[in-house]
Amino acid sequence: MPSRNIDGYEVEFTGELLEGSEQWGAYVSIFAPSVNPMHMTHIYPKRRVSADLVLMDQHAAEAEAERAATIILQELRS
């Protein structure tokens, strides 16, 4: 599962094959630092970011998940 650190948040984004089809969905999960340096707080559990959006391959799904993660982070900060 690809992940990136964005402004101190650990963002995991993935593309997963949708059950019963040959199409892919985009998923995001976000963690924030906690008071314990050995632990991250799960602030955005893994979710499909666009229920009505299906993609044709894993790479496209991961790119969509990464794009959606930046929007989600902006909303969480405001």
Protein backbone atom coordinates (compact mmCIF):
# COMPACT_ATOMS: atom_id res chain seq x y z
CA MET A 1 0.00 0.00 0.00
CA PRO A 2 1.63 3.28 -1.07
CA SER A 3 1.95 5.93 1.61
CA ARG A 4 3.30 9.47 1.93
CA ASN A 5 3.97 11.91 4.71
CA ILE A 6 2.12 15.15 4.05
CA ASP A 7 2.56 17.94 6.62
CA GLY A 8 3.12 15.41 9.42
CA TYR A 9 0.19 13.19 8.45
CA GLU A 10 0.82 9.67 7.18
CA VAL A 11 -1.46 9.10 4.22
CA GLU A 12 -2.05 5.63 2.80
CA PHE A 13 -3.68 5.43 -0.60
CA THR A 14 -4.48 2.38 -2.61
CA GLY A 15 -6.40 1.05 -5.55
CA GLU A 16 -8.34 -2.15 -4.97
CA LEU A 17 -10.12 -4.40 -7.41
CA LEU A 18 -13.88 -4.09 -6.85
CA GLU A 19 -15.56 -7.33 -5.93
CA GLY A 20 -17.31 -9.02 -8.83
CA SER A 21 -15.85 -6.75 -11.51
CA GLU A 22 -12.70 -5.88 -13.39
CA GLN A 23 -12.80 -2.25 -12.24
CA TRP A 24 -10.87 -0.54 -9.45
CA GLY A 25 -11.82 1.70 -6.54
CA ALA A 26 -9.69 4.36 -4.82
CA TYR A 27 -9.19 4.12 -1.04
CA VAL A 28 -7.58 6.47 1.52
CA SER A 29 -6.56 6.15 5.17
CA ILE A 30 -4.95 8.96 7.22
CA PHE A 31 -2.95 8.88 10.45
CA ALA A 32 -1.82 11.81 12.61
CA PRO A 33 0.96 12.04 15.18
CA SER A 34 0.02 11.27 18.79
CA VAL A 35 1.57 12.09 22.14
CA ASN A 36 3.36 8.74 22.00
CA PRO A 37 6.10 9.01 19.36
CA MET A 38 5.81 5.27 18.64
CA HIS A 39 2.12 5.51 17.73
CA MET A 40 0.00 7.27 15.13
CA THR A 41 -3.66 8.18 15.65
CA HIS A 42 -5.99 6.86 12.97
CA ILE A 43 -8.04 9.97 12.14
CA TYR A 44 -9.52 8.88 8.80
CA PRO A 45 -10.20 5.13 8.59
CA LYS A 46 -9.73 3.44 5.23
CA ARG A 47 -12.62 4.41 2.96
CA ARG A 48 -13.45 4.35 -0.66
CA VAL A 49 -13.18 8.00 -1.67
CA SER A 50 -15.61 8.04 -4.59
CA ALA A 51 -18.33 5.42 -4.48
CA ASP A 52 -19.57 6.29 -7.96
CA LEU A 53 -16.11 6.45 -9.56
CA VAL A 54 -14.65 3.26 -11.01
CA LEU A 55 -11.27 3.12 -12.66
CA MET A 56 -9.76 0.78 -15.22
CA ASP A 57 -6.48 -0.10 -13.48
CA GLN A 58 -4.69 -0.01 -10.15
CA HIS A 59 -2.39 2.86 -11.12
CA ALA A 60 -5.32 5.12 -12.01
CA ALA A 61 -7.08 4.20 -8.75
CA GLU A 62 -3.97 5.01 -6.69
CA ALA A 63 -3.58 8.36 -8.47
CA GLU A 64 -7.23 9.21 -7.74
CA ALA A 65 -6.81 8.18 -4.09
CA GLU A 66 -3.74 10.41 -3.76
CA ARG A 67 -5.62 13.34 -5.31
CA ALA A 68 -8.57 12.79 -2.97
CA ALA A 69 -6.25 12.54 0.05
CA THR A 70 -4.99 16.10 -0.48
CA ILE A 71 -8.59 17.37 -0.51
CA ILE A 72 -9.46 15.35 2.62
CA LEU A 73 -6.43 16.76 4.44
CA GLN A 74 -7.46 20.32 3.54
CA GLU A 75 -10.91 19.66 4.98
CA LEU A 76 -9.49 18.09 8.17
CA ARG A 77 -7.25 21.11 8.77
CA SER A 78 -10.05 23.68 8.43
